[in-house]
Amino acid sequence: MTTEPSITSSPPPQGDRGGGVRHADAPLAWAISIMVHLLVLAIAFLVTWSVVDAEETEAPALISAPLPPPTFEPVTTLERTVASFPSQPANTAVEAVPEVDSNDLADLLLAADGLLAGSAALDINASGESALPHISFGGVAAPAARRIVFVVDASGSMIGAYPAVIDQIEHSLRRLDPRQSFSLVLFRGGDADELPPRGRLRPATAPAIDEATAWLAGRTPEGRSDPAAALRIAFSLDPEVVYLVSTDITGAGVYEIDRDALFSLLDEINPVDASGRRNATIRCIQLLDEDRLGTLQEIARDHGPADSDETGFAFIGRRELGLE
């Protein structure tokens, strides 16, 4: 009987028994252990922090007690508290209010009306804006206007009165404010001399008035009196008020101009509209000597407000001008 050799596996070497498995699983086990410990520490920290925070932010306990039952007391039993003031001696006399005489009151009202009329700061229109200052020249007032032109005689007959006219024009301009504008046109030597810049009005500012006054002072009265060219220039500026100042508007002798032609010119450049009104109001000042023809008076009447009894005219003689 033949015996087949038995095949038996030889045992693994002693050093390699299970060694491969142990070396592969060891790092993973350590990692899991470390993570578990960290997780436990984190949970412990969060629990501790929550307890401490709850102790610090815990609101104090409120002690409440039930409200007492409402009671109703009759109004008649409530006590009144009266503020005490120093008592006035019985023998103290009460000052009597003085009686105002009716005539004195009327005078006060008239004075107040005068102050309101002359004060631009107190004169307020419907829009809340302070009203324009009123215009005055030589004692002749004109309606408050935004566009004013002075047409002034600077012919040879004005030599004595010209300095006083300059002072009066400056005084009138100083009463205006920058919302108003002005210009000056002189008639002398039969021609017109317009304040520069020509063809437009200037705002009534202090520098503009200073320049206008200096310009007037630099002009010398000369030649004959013919206002036609000056009036045409003045009305080309679309004025609301024109002051016409002259000694003898129509001249005399060989220099006399036709009076009817002057009125025709004024009707042409300042016509009457359908309502009977004119575009501009003309105020006239007669200087030195009275005009027997009353030309300036008639111009002021024809070219003044249609619904007013104002004459719009004044005569200023030599004595008033300091020439006598």
C-alpha atoms as a PDB file:
ATOM      1  CA  MET A   1       0.000   0.000   0.000  1.00  0.00           C
ATOM      2  CA  THR A   2       1.467   3.038  -1.149  1.00  0.00           C
ATOM      3  CA  THR A   3       1.278   5.932   1.201  1.00  0.00           C
ATOM      4  CA  GLU A   4       0.708   9.369  -0.476  1.00  0.00           C
ATOM      5  CA  PRO A   5       2.649  12.089   1.023  1.00  0.00           C
ATOM      6  CA  SER A   6       0.427  14.426   3.084  1.00  0.00           C
ATOM      7  CA  ILE A   7       0.386  17.996   2.166  1.00  0.00           C
ATOM      8  CA  THR A   8       0.458  20.180   5.218  1.00  0.00           C
ATOM      9  CA  SER A   9       0.937  23.861   5.226  1.00  0.00           C
ATOM     10  CA  SER A  10       3.849  25.066   7.137  1.00  0.00           C
ATOM     11  CA  PRO A  11       3.074  27.585   9.856  1.00  0.00           C
ATOM     12  CA  PRO A  12       3.852  31.194   9.125  1.00  0.00           C
ATOM     13  CA  PRO A  13       6.907  32.628  10.509  1.00  0.00           C
ATOM     14  CA  GLN A  14       6.670  33.667  14.090  1.00  0.00           C
ATOM     15  CA  GLY A  15       7.385  37.276  13.404  1.00  0.00           C
ATOM     16  CA  ASP A  16       4.690  37.764  10.809  1.00  0.00           C
ATOM     17  CA  ARG A  17       1.647  36.226  12.669  1.00  0.00           C
ATOM     18  CA  GLY A  18      -1.169  38.730  12.444  1.00  0.00           C
ATOM     19  CA  GLY A  19       1.374  41.502  12.244  1.00  0.00           C
ATOM     20  CA  GLY A  20       0.125  42.947   9.030  1.00  0.00           C
ATOM     21  CA  VAL A  21      -3.394  43.510  10.365  1.00  0.00           C
ATOM     22  CA  ARG A  22      -2.320  45.074  13.568  1.00  0.00           C
ATOM     23  CA  HIS A  23      -0.064  47.603  11.876  1.00  0.00           C
ATOM     24  CA  ALA A  24      -2.798  48.709   9.457  1.00  0.00           C
ATOM     25  CA  ASP A  25      -5.560  49.216  12.075  1.00  0.00           C
ATOM     26  CA  ALA A  26      -3.550  50.952  14.788  1.00  0.00           C
ATOM     27  CA  PRO A  27      -3.573  54.569  13.394  1.00  0.00           C
ATOM     28  CA  LEU A  28      -7.311  54.469  12.727  1.00  0.00           C
ATOM     29  CA  ALA A  29      -8.069  53.392  16.259  1.00  0.00           C
ATOM     30  CA  TRP A  30      -5.986  56.196  17.681  1.00  0.00           C
ATOM     31  CA  ALA A  31      -7.711  58.766  15.505  1.00  0.00           C
ATOM     32  CA  ILE A  32     -11.144  57.603  16.541  1.00  0.00           C
ATOM     33  CA  SER A  33     -10.133  57.695  20.183  1.00  0.00           C
ATOM     34  CA  ILE A  34      -8.802  61.232  19.941  1.00  0.00           C
ATOM     35  CA  MET A  35     -11.961  62.455  18.166  1.00  0.00           C
ATOM     36  CA  VAL A  36     -14.203  60.890  20.801  1.00  0.00           C
ATOM     37  CA  HIS A  37     -12.229  62.562  23.593  1.00  0.00           C
ATOM     38  CA  LEU A  38     -12.351  65.931  21.836  1.00  0.00           C
ATOM     39  CA  LEU A  39     -16.096  65.606  21.324  1.00  0.00           C
ATOM     40  CA  VAL A  40     -16.606  64.827  25.004  1.00  0.00           C
ATOM     41  CA  LEU A  41     -14.488  67.840  26.008  1.00  0.00           C
ATOM     42  CA  ALA A  42     -16.455  70.121  23.654  1.00  0.00           C
ATOM     43  CA  ILE A  43     -19.779  68.941  25.050  1.00  0.00           C
ATOM     44  CA  ALA A  44     -18.532  69.482  28.589  1.00  0.00           C
ATOM     45  CA  PHE A  45     -17.316  72.994  27.731  1.00  0.00           C
ATOM     46  CA  LEU A  46     -20.635  73.981  26.129  1.00  0.00           C
ATOM     47  CA  VAL A  47     -22.631  72.687  29.087  1.00  0.00           C
ATOM     48  CA  THR A  48     -20.424  74.577  31.552  1.00  0.00           C
ATOM     49  CA  TRP A  49     -20.628  77.835  29.515  1.00  0.00           C
ATOM     50  CA  SER A  50     -24.415  77.635  29.240  1.00  0.00           C
ATOM     51  CA  VAL A  51     -24.764  77.209  32.998  1.00  0.00           C
ATOM     52  CA  VAL A  52     -22.460  80.159  33.766  1.00  0.00           C
ATOM     53  CA  ASP A  53     -24.171  82.406  31.209  1.00  0.00           C
ATOM     54  CA  ALA A  54     -27.610  81.524  32.542  1.00  0.00           C
ATOM     55  CA  GLU A  55     -26.477  82.423  36.053  1.00  0.00           C
ATOM     56  CA  GLU A  56     -25.091  85.802  34.908  1.00  0.00           C
ATOM     57  CA  THR A  57     -28.097  86.848  32.789  1.00  0.00           C
ATOM     58  CA  GLU A  58     -30.776  85.506  35.017  1.00  0.00           C
ATOM     59  CA  ALA A  59     -33.300  88.297  35.555  1.00  0.00           C
ATOM     60  CA  PRO A  60     -33.989  89.242  39.142  1.00  0.00           C
ATOM     61  CA  ALA A  61     -37.162  87.833  40.481  1.00  0.00           C
ATOM     62  CA  LEU A  62     -40.009  90.312  40.615  1.00  0.00           C
ATOM     63  CA  ILE A  63     -42.057  90.471  43.722  1.00  0.00           C
ATOM     64  CA  SER A  64     -45.600  91.400  42.956  1.00  0.00           C
ATOM     65  CA  ALA A  65     -48.444  91.959  45.246  1.00  0.00           C
ATOM     66  CA  PRO A  66     -52.115  92.167  44.399  1.00  0.00           C
ATOM     67  CA  LEU A  67     -53.483  95.668  43.905  1.00  0.00           C
ATOM     68  CA  PRO A  68     -55.692  96.998  46.660  1.00  0.00           C
ATOM     69  CA  PRO A  69     -59.364  96.972  45.843  1.00  0.00           C
ATOM     70  CA  PRO A  70     -60.541 100.182  44.172  1.00  0.00           C
ATOM     71  CA  THR A  71     -62.255 102.677  46.370  1.00  0.00           C
ATOM     72  CA  PHE A  72     -64.626 105.390  45.277  1.00  0.00           C
ATOM     73  CA  GLU A  73     -64.712 108.609  47.209  1.00  0.00           C
ATOM     74  CA  PRO A  74     -67.435 111.179  46.613  1.00  0.00           C
ATOM     75  CA  VAL A  75     -66.221 114.272  44.777  1.00  0.00           C
ATOM     76  CA  THR A  76     -67.557 116.492  47.520  1.00  0.00           C
ATOM     77  CA  THR A  77     -65.067 115.057  50.001  1.00  0.00           C
ATOM     78  CA  LEU A  78     -61.969 115.747  47.892  1.00  0.00           C
ATOM     79  CA  GLU A  79     -59.814 118.571  49.194  1.00  0.00           C
ATOM     80  CA  ARG A  80     -58.989 121.473  46.906  1.00  0.00           C
ATOM     81  CA  THR A  81     -55.396 122.635  46.678  1.00  0.00           C
ATOM     82  CA  VAL A  82     -55.201 126.337  46.007  1.00  0.00           C
ATOM     83  CA  ALA A  83     -51.897 127.977  45.114  1.00  0.00           C
ATOM     84  CA  SER A  84     -51.128 130.702  47.556  1.00  0.00           C
ATOM     85  CA  PHE A  85     -49.898 134.089  46.368  1.00  0.00           C
ATOM     86  CA  PRO A  86     -48.687 137.017  48.419  1.00  0.00           C
ATOM     87  CA  SER A  87     -51.694 139.005  49.380  1.00  0.00           C
ATOM     88  CA  GLN A  88     -51.837 142.603  48.215  1.00  0.00           C
ATOM     89  CA  PRO A  89     -52.117 145.179  50.936  1.00  0.00           C
ATOM     90  CA  ALA A  90     -55.603 146.556  51.232  1.00  0.00           C
ATOM     91  CA  ASN A  91     -54.429 150.120  50.885  1.00  0.00           C
ATOM     92  CA  THR A  92     -52.509 149.542  47.623  1.00  0.00           C
ATOM     93  CA  ALA A  93     -53.947 151.770  44.902  1.00  0.00           C
ATOM     94  CA  VAL A  94     -54.510 150.302  41.440  1.00  0.00           C
ATOM     95  CA  GLU A  95     -52.948 152.464  38.749  1.00  0.00           C
ATOM     96  CA  ALA A  96     -55.634 153.805  36.471  1.00  0.00           C
ATOM     97  CA  VAL A  97     -55.290 153.463  32.688  1.00  0.00           C
ATOM     98  CA  PRO A  98     -54.915 156.942  31.218  1.00  0.00           C
ATOM     99  CA  GLU A  99     -57.603 157.988  28.835  1.00  0.00           C
ATOM    100  CA  VAL A 100     -56.518 158.718  25.269  1.00  0.00           C
ATOM    101  CA  ASP A 101     -57.974 161.736  23.645  1.00  0.00           C
ATOM    102  CA  SER A 102     -59.551 160.988  20.272  1.00  0.00           C
ATOM    103  CA  ASN A 103     -57.513 163.707  18.582  1.00  0.00           C
ATOM    104  CA  ASP A 104     -54.278 162.281  19.965  1.00  0.00           C
ATOM    105  CA  LEU A 105     -55.276 158.819  18.738  1.00  0.00           C
ATOM    106  CA  ALA A 106     -55.956 160.136  15.255  1.00  0.00           C
ATOM    107  CA  ASP A 107     -52.528 161.781  15.204  1.00  0.00           C
ATOM    108  CA  LEU A 108     -50.897 158.511  16.262  1.00  0.00           C
ATOM    109  CA  LEU A 109     -52.672 156.582  13.523  1.00  0.00           C
ATOM    110  CA  LEU A 110     -51.637 159.098  10.900  1.00  0.00           C
ATOM    111  CA  ALA A 111     -48.046 158.930  12.107  1.00  0.00           C
ATOM    112  CA  ALA A 112     -48.135 155.127  11.940  1.00  0.00           C
ATOM    113  CA  ASP A 113     -49.517 155.240   8.404  1.00  0.00           C
ATOM    114  CA  GLY A 114     -46.669 157.530   7.423  1.00  0.00           C
ATOM    115  CA  LEU A 115     -44.081 155.179   8.889  1.00  0.00           C
ATOM    116  CA  LEU A 116     -45.565 152.176   7.091  1.00  0.00           C
ATOM    117  CA  ALA A 117     -45.650 154.003   3.782  1.00  0.00           C
ATOM    118  CA  GLY A 118     -42.005 155.041   4.075  1.00  0.00           C
ATOM    119  CA  SER A 119     -40.597 151.739   5.307  1.00  0.00           C
ATOM    120  CA  ALA A 120     -39.870 149.014   2.767  1.00  0.00           C
ATOM    121  CA  ALA A 121     -39.095 146.553   5.563  1.00  0.00           C
ATOM    122  CA  LEU A 122     -42.621 146.764   6.955  1.00  0.00           C
ATOM    123  CA  ASP A 123     -44.476 146.880   3.650  1.00  0.00           C
ATOM    124  CA  ILE A 124     -45.207 143.247   2.751  1.00  0.00           C
ATOM    125  CA  ASN A 125     -47.117 142.161  -0.302  1.00  0.00           C
ATOM    126  CA  ALA A 126     -49.426 139.167  -0.632  1.00  0.00           C
ATOM    127  CA  SER A 127     -46.587 136.790  -1.555  1.00  0.00           C
ATOM    128  CA  GLY A 128     -44.715 137.592   1.647  1.00  0.00           C
ATOM    129  CA  GLU A 129     -42.031 139.595  -0.126  1.00  0.00           C
ATOM    130  CA  SER A 130     -41.234 143.069   1.114  1.00  0.00           C
ATOM    131  CA  ALA A 131     -42.727 145.668  -1.226  1.00  0.00           C
ATOM    132  CA  LEU A 132     -40.589 147.870  -3.422  1.00  0.00           C
ATOM    133  CA  PRO A 133     -39.520 151.191  -1.924  1.00  0.00           C
ATOM    134  CA  HIS A 134     -41.460 154.201  -3.092  1.00  0.00           C
ATOM    135  CA  ILE A 135     -39.728 156.713  -5.325  1.00  0.00           C
ATOM    136  CA  SER A 136     -39.457 160.414  -4.653  1.00  0.00           C
ATOM    137  CA  PHE A 137     -37.673 163.269  -6.361  1.00  0.00           C
ATOM    138  CA  GLY A 138     -37.910 166.871  -5.287  1.00  0.00           C
ATOM    139  CA  GLY A 139     -40.878 166.052  -3.069  1.00  0.00           C
ATOM    140  CA  VAL A 140     -42.809 164.403  -5.909  1.00  0.00           C
ATOM    141  CA  ALA A 141     -43.624 160.779  -5.096  1.00  0.00           C
ATOM    142  CA  ALA A 142     -44.229 158.092  -7.693  1.00  0.00           C
ATOM    143  CA  PRO A 143     -45.718 154.606  -7.513  1.00  0.00           C
ATOM    144  CA  ALA A 144     -43.340 151.879  -6.394  1.00  0.00           C
ATOM    145  CA  ALA A 145     -41.777 150.555  -9.594  1.00  0.00           C
ATOM    146  CA  ARG A 146     -38.984 148.274 -10.749  1.00  0.00           C
ATOM    147  CA  ARG A 147     -37.836 150.326 -13.762  1.00  0.00           C
ATOM    148  CA  ILE A 148     -37.141 154.041 -13.331  1.00  0.00           C
ATOM    149  CA  VAL A 149     -35.555 156.530 -15.743  1.00  0.00           C
ATOM    150  CA  PHE A 150     -34.548 160.125 -14.995  1.00  0.00           C
ATOM    151  CA  VAL A 151     -34.642 162.493 -17.972  1.00  0.00           C
ATOM    152  CA  VAL A 152     -32.775 165.617 -16.887  1.00  0.00           C
ATOM    153  CA  ASP A 153     -32.275 168.988 -18.514  1.00  0.00           C
ATOM    154  CA  ALA A 154     -28.524 169.716 -18.762  1.00  0.00           C
ATOM    155  CA  SER A 155     -28.753 172.676 -21.099  1.00  0.00           C
ATOM    156  CA  GLY A 156     -26.961 175.952 -20.500  1.00  0.00           C
ATOM    157  CA  SER A 157     -29.863 177.297 -18.419  1.00  0.00           C
ATOM    158  CA  MET A 158     -29.201 174.590 -15.774  1.00  0.00           C
ATOM    159  CA  ILE A 159     -25.689 175.696 -14.831  1.00  0.00           C
ATOM    160  CA  GLY A 160     -26.747 177.131 -11.466  1.00  0.00           C
ATOM    161  CA  ALA A 161     -29.185 174.353 -10.526  1.00  0.00           C
ATOM    162  CA  TYR A 162     -27.264 171.352 -11.845  1.00  0.00           C
ATOM    163  CA  PRO A 163     -25.284 170.537  -8.638  1.00  0.00           C
ATOM    164  CA  ALA A 164     -28.518 170.534  -6.617  1.00  0.00           C
ATOM    165  CA  VAL A 165     -30.123 168.241  -9.194  1.00  0.00           C
ATOM    166  CA  ILE A 166     -27.233 165.783  -8.886  1.00  0.00           C
ATOM    167  CA  ASP A 167     -27.652 165.706  -5.098  1.00  0.00           C
ATOM    168  CA  GLN A 168     -31.398 165.125  -5.410  1.00  0.00           C
ATOM    169  CA  ILE A 169     -30.973 162.324  -7.960  1.00  0.00           C
ATOM    170  CA  GLU A 170     -28.404 160.601  -5.758  1.00  0.00           C
ATOM    171  CA  HIS A 171     -30.706 160.903  -2.742  1.00  0.00           C
ATOM    172  CA  SER A 172     -33.574 159.364  -4.725  1.00  0.00           C
ATOM    173  CA  LEU A 173     -31.438 156.487  -6.014  1.00  0.00           C
ATOM    174  CA  ARG A 174     -30.126 155.665  -2.525  1.00  0.00           C
ATOM    175  CA  ARG A 175     -33.677 154.932  -1.425  1.00  0.00           C
ATOM    176  CA  LEU A 176     -34.070 152.174  -4.000  1.00  0.00           C
ATOM    177  CA  ASP A 177     -33.018 148.560  -3.541  1.00  0.00           C
ATOM    178  CA  PRO A 178     -31.296 146.149  -5.977  1.00  0.00           C
ATOM    179  CA  ARG A 179     -34.634 144.700  -7.137  1.00  0.00           C
ATOM    180  CA  GLN A 180     -35.197 148.068  -8.828  1.00  0.00           C
ATOM    181  CA  SER A 181     -33.240 149.306 -11.818  1.00  0.00           C
ATOM    182  CA  PHE A 182     -32.615 152.760 -13.246  1.00  0.00           C
ATOM    183  CA  SER A 183     -30.974 154.849 -15.906  1.00  0.00           C
ATOM    184  CA  LEU A 184     -30.197 158.522 -16.526  1.00  0.00           C
ATOM    185  CA  VAL A 185     -30.603 160.420 -19.771  1.00  0.00           C
ATOM    186  CA  LEU A 186     -29.488 164.053 -20.089  1.00  0.00           C
ATOM    187  CA  PHE A 187     -30.595 166.411 -22.850  1.00  0.00           C
ATOM    188  CA  ARG A 188     -28.083 169.116 -23.667  1.00  0.00           C
ATOM    189  CA  GLY A 189     -26.773 170.765 -26.793  1.00  0.00           C
ATOM    190  CA  GLY A 190     -29.914 169.615 -28.612  1.00  0.00           C
ATOM    191  CA  ASP A 191     -28.899 165.943 -28.203  1.00  0.00           C
ATOM    192  CA  ALA A 192     -29.170 163.119 -25.658  1.00  0.00           C
ATOM    193  CA  ASP A 193     -26.463 161.782 -23.343  1.00  0.00           C
ATOM    194  CA  GLU A 194     -27.258 158.342 -21.836  1.00  0.00           C
ATOM    195  CA  LEU A 195     -25.699 156.742 -18.769  1.00  0.00           C
ATOM    196  CA  PRO A 196     -23.570 153.799 -19.917  1.00  0.00           C
ATOM    197  CA  PRO A 197     -23.986 150.993 -20.673  1.00  0.00           C
ATOM    198  CA  ARG A 198     -26.415 152.324 -23.202  1.00  0.00           C
ATOM    199  CA  GLY A 199     -29.627 150.544 -24.036  1.00  0.00           C
ATOM    200  CA  ARG A 200     -30.278 148.921 -20.656  1.00  0.00           C
ATOM    201  CA  LEU A 201     -31.105 149.728 -17.063  1.00  0.00           C
ATOM    202  CA  ARG A 202     -28.767 149.146 -14.123  1.00  0.00           C
ATOM    203  CA  PRO A 203     -29.685 147.481 -10.808  1.00  0.00           C
ATOM    204  CA  ALA A 204     -29.879 150.023  -7.988  1.00  0.00           C
ATOM    205  CA  THR A 205     -26.839 148.698  -6.148  1.00  0.00           C
ATOM    206  CA  ALA A 206     -24.472 150.933  -4.196  1.00  0.00           C
ATOM    207  CA  PRO A 207     -21.600 150.614  -6.746  1.00  0.00           C
ATOM    208  CA  ALA A 208     -23.949 151.372  -9.656  1.00  0.00           C
ATOM    209  CA  ILE A 209     -25.316 154.452  -7.880  1.00  0.00           C
ATOM    210  CA  ASP A 210     -21.783 155.621  -7.086  1.00  0.00           C
ATOM    211  CA  GLU A 211     -20.847 155.321 -10.768  1.00  0.00           C
ATOM    212  CA  ALA A 212     -24.019 157.106 -11.884  1.00  0.00           C
ATOM    213  CA  THR A 213     -23.391 159.997  -9.486  1.00  0.00           C
ATOM    214  CA  ALA A 214     -19.799 160.331 -10.692  1.00  0.00           C
ATOM    215  CA  TRP A 215     -21.021 160.249 -14.301  1.00  0.00           C
ATOM    216  CA  LEU A 216     -23.482 163.073 -13.622  1.00  0.00           C
ATOM    217  CA  ALA A 217     -20.799 165.138 -11.893  1.00  0.00           C
ATOM    218  CA  GLY A 218     -18.570 164.741 -14.933  1.00  0.00           C
ATOM    219  CA  ARG A 219     -21.149 166.376 -17.236  1.00  0.00           C
ATOM    220  CA  THR A 220     -21.341 170.131 -17.745  1.00  0.00           C
ATOM    221  CA  PRO A 221     -24.624 171.834 -18.705  1.00  0.00           C
ATOM    222  CA  GLU A 222     -24.375 173.383 -22.167  1.00  0.00           C
ATOM    223  CA  GLY A 223     -26.264 174.233 -25.335  1.00  0.00           C
ATOM    224  CA  ARG A 224     -29.968 174.380 -25.957  1.00  0.00           C
ATOM    225  CA  SER A 225     -32.853 172.434 -24.449  1.00  0.00           C
ATOM    226  CA  ASP A 226     -34.520 169.846 -26.672  1.00  0.00           C
ATOM    227  CA  PRO A 227     -35.833 166.753 -24.813  1.00  0.00           C
ATOM    228  CA  ALA A 228     -37.094 164.828 -27.883  1.00  0.00           C
ATOM    229  CA  ALA A 229     -34.071 162.536 -28.370  1.00  0.00           C
ATOM    230  CA  ALA A 230     -33.682 161.964 -24.619  1.00  0.00           C
ATOM    231  CA  LEU A 231     -37.356 161.019 -24.243  1.00  0.00           C
ATOM    232  CA  ARG A 232     -37.140 158.513 -27.096  1.00  0.00           C
ATOM    233  CA  ILE A 233     -34.140 156.837 -25.473  1.00  0.00           C
ATOM    234  CA  ALA A 234     -35.823 156.810 -22.066  1.00  0.00           C
ATOM    235  CA  PHE A 235     -38.977 155.069 -23.314  1.00  0.00           C
ATOM    236  CA  SER A 236     -36.973 152.570 -25.362  1.00  0.00           C
ATOM    237  CA  LEU A 237     -35.839 151.187 -21.962  1.00  0.00           C
ATOM    238  CA  ASP A 238     -39.427 150.182 -21.129  1.00  0.00           C
ATOM    239  CA  PRO A 239     -39.708 152.223 -17.918  1.00  0.00           C
ATOM    240  CA  GLU A 240     -42.544 152.147 -15.429  1.00  0.00           C
ATOM    241  CA  VAL A 241     -41.805 155.622 -14.039  1.00  0.00           C
ATOM    242  CA  VAL A 242     -40.069 158.549 -15.753  1.00  0.00           C
ATOM    243  CA  TYR A 243     -38.940 161.682 -13.928  1.00  0.00           C
ATOM    244  CA  LEU A 244     -38.720 164.629 -16.289  1.00  0.00           C
ATOM    245  CA  VAL A 245     -36.674 167.507 -14.812  1.00  0.00           C
ATOM    246  CA  SER A 246     -36.214 170.829 -16.602  1.00  0.00           C
ATOM    247  CA  THR A 247     -36.158 174.586 -16.275  1.00  0.00           C
ATOM    248  CA  ASP A 248     -38.070 175.360 -19.460  1.00  0.00           C
ATOM    249  CA  ILE A 249     -38.921 172.180 -21.318  1.00  0.00           C
ATOM    250  CA  THR A 250     -39.796 173.901 -24.588  1.00  0.00           C
ATOM    251  CA  GLY A 251     -36.954 176.402 -24.564  1.00  0.00           C
ATOM    252  CA  ALA A 252     -37.215 180.023 -25.596  1.00  0.00           C
ATOM    253  CA  GLY A 253     -36.337 182.323 -28.456  1.00  0.00           C
ATOM    254  CA  VAL A 254     -34.488 180.764 -31.346  1.00  0.00           C
ATOM    255  CA  TYR A 255     -34.148 177.520 -29.367  1.00  0.00           C
ATOM    256  CA  GLU A 256     -37.852 177.140 -28.658  1.00  0.00           C
ATOM    257  CA  ILE A 257     -39.405 173.842 -29.764  1.00  0.00           C
ATOM    258  CA  ASP A 258     -42.974 173.302 -30.825  1.00  0.00           C
ATOM    259  CA  ARG A 259     -45.135 172.511 -27.790  1.00  0.00           C
ATOM    260  CA  ASP A 260     -47.728 170.540 -29.745  1.00  0.00           C
ATOM    261  CA  ALA A 261     -44.978 168.467 -31.347  1.00  0.00           C
ATOM    262  CA  LEU A 262     -43.711 167.572 -27.859  1.00  0.00           C
ATOM    263  CA  PHE A 263     -47.155 166.332 -26.762  1.00  0.00           C
ATOM    264  CA  SER A 264     -47.527 164.342 -29.990  1.00  0.00           C
ATOM    265  CA  LEU A 265     -44.167 162.700 -29.361  1.00  0.00           C
ATOM    266  CA  LEU A 266     -45.175 161.722 -25.813  1.00  0.00           C
ATOM    267  CA  ASP A 267     -48.460 160.244 -27.035  1.00  0.00           C
ATOM    268  CA  GLU A 268     -46.492 158.230 -29.585  1.00  0.00           C
ATOM    269  CA  ILE A 269     -43.912 156.750 -27.211  1.00  0.00           C
ATOM    270  CA  ASN A 270     -46.263 156.418 -24.215  1.00  0.00           C
ATOM    271  CA  PRO A 271     -49.690 155.719 -25.736  1.00  0.00           C
ATOM    272  CA  VAL A 272     -52.986 155.162 -23.985  1.00  0.00           C
ATOM    273  CA  ASP A 273     -54.194 151.562 -24.004  1.00  0.00           C
ATOM    274  CA  ALA A 274     -57.787 150.302 -24.284  1.00  0.00           C
ATOM    275  CA  SER A 275     -58.351 150.749 -20.548  1.00  0.00           C
ATOM    276  CA  GLY A 276     -57.305 154.414 -20.648  1.00  0.00           C
ATOM    277  CA  ARG A 277     -53.925 153.780 -19.017  1.00  0.00           C
ATOM    278  CA  ARG A 278     -50.420 154.478 -20.252  1.00  0.00           C
ATOM    279  CA  ASN A 279     -47.420 152.165 -20.087  1.00  0.00           C
ATOM    280  CA  ALA A 280     -45.414 154.538 -17.888  1.00  0.00           C
ATOM    281  CA  THR A 281     -46.128 157.261 -15.379  1.00  0.00           C
ATOM    282  CA  ILE A 282     -44.357 160.588 -15.921  1.00  0.00           C
ATOM    283  CA  ARG A 283     -43.524 162.826 -12.961  1.00  0.00           C
ATOM    284  CA  CYS A 284     -42.376 166.381 -13.754  1.00  0.00           C
ATOM    285  CA  ILE A 285     -40.162 168.808 -11.808  1.00  0.00           C
ATOM    286  CA  GLN A 286     -40.015 172.455 -12.824  1.00  0.00           C
ATOM    287  CA  LEU A 287     -36.810 174.179 -11.675  1.00  0.00           C
ATOM    288  CA  LEU A 288     -35.718 177.790 -11.161  1.00  0.00           C
ATOM    289  CA  ASP A 289     -38.557 179.707 -12.810  1.00  0.00           C
ATOM    290  CA  GLU A 290     -42.224 178.986 -13.379  1.00  0.00           C
ATOM    291  CA  ASP A 291     -43.343 178.154 -16.884  1.00  0.00           C
ATOM    292  CA  ARG A 292     -46.145 180.470 -17.956  1.00  0.00           C
ATOM    293  CA  LEU A 293     -47.353 177.819 -20.415  1.00  0.00           C
ATOM    294  CA  GLY A 294     -47.518 175.131 -17.716  1.00  0.00           C
ATOM    295  CA  THR A 295     -46.085 172.522 -20.081  1.00  0.00           C
ATOM    296  CA  LEU A 296     -44.651 170.205 -17.437  1.00  0.00           C
ATOM    297  CA  GLN A 297     -47.825 170.454 -15.372  1.00  0.00           C
ATOM    298  CA  GLU A 298     -49.882 169.340 -18.353  1.00  0.00           C
ATOM    299  CA  ILE A 299     -47.497 166.470 -19.134  1.00  0.00           C
ATOM    300  CA  ALA A 300     -47.709 165.247 -15.532  1.00  0.00           C
ATOM    301  CA  ARG A 301     -51.513 165.418 -15.664  1.00  0.00           C
ATOM    302  CA  ASP A 302     -51.836 163.645 -19.026  1.00  0.00           C
ATOM    303  CA  HIS A 303     -49.280 160.926 -18.208  1.00  0.00           C
ATOM    304  CA  GLY A 304     -50.097 160.350 -14.578  1.00  0.00           C
ATOM    305  CA  PRO A 305     -52.289 157.627 -13.073  1.00  0.00           C
ATOM    306  CA  ALA A 306     -55.729 157.763 -14.678  1.00  0.00           C
ATOM    307  CA  ASP A 307     -57.508 156.901 -11.419  1.00  0.00           C
ATOM    308  CA  SER A 308     -55.621 159.309  -9.156  1.00  0.00           C
ATOM    309  CA  ASP A 309     -55.990 162.953  -8.206  1.00  0.00           C
ATOM    310  CA  GLU A 310     -52.217 163.346  -7.815  1.00  0.00           C
ATOM    311  CA  THR A 311     -50.740 166.179  -9.808  1.00  0.00           C
ATOM    312  CA  GLY A 312     -47.355 164.498 -10.205  1.00  0.00           C
ATOM    313  CA  PHE A 313     -45.769 167.940 -10.503  1.00  0.00           C
ATOM    314  CA  ALA A 314     -43.584 170.155  -8.334  1.00  0.00           C
ATOM    315  CA  PHE A 315     -41.937 173.532  -8.741  1.00  0.00           C
ATOM    316  CA  ILE A 316     -38.596 174.119  -7.021  1.00  0.00           C
ATOM    317  CA  GLY A 317     -37.575 177.749  -7.182  1.00  0.00           C
ATOM    318  CA  ARG A 318     -34.216 179.464  -6.869  1.00  0.00           C
ATOM    319  CA  ARG A 319     -34.643 180.053  -3.140  1.00  0.00           C
ATOM    320  CA  GLU A 320     -35.291 176.349  -2.464  1.00  0.00           C
ATOM    321  CA  LEU A 321     -32.247 175.495  -4.533  1.00  0.00           C
ATOM    322  CA  GLY A 322     -30.104 177.909  -2.524  1.00  0.00           C
ATOM    323  CA  LEU A 323     -29.496 180.217  -5.472  1.00  0.00           C
ATOM    324  CA  GLU A 324     -30.869 183.368  -3.782  1.00  0.00           C
END
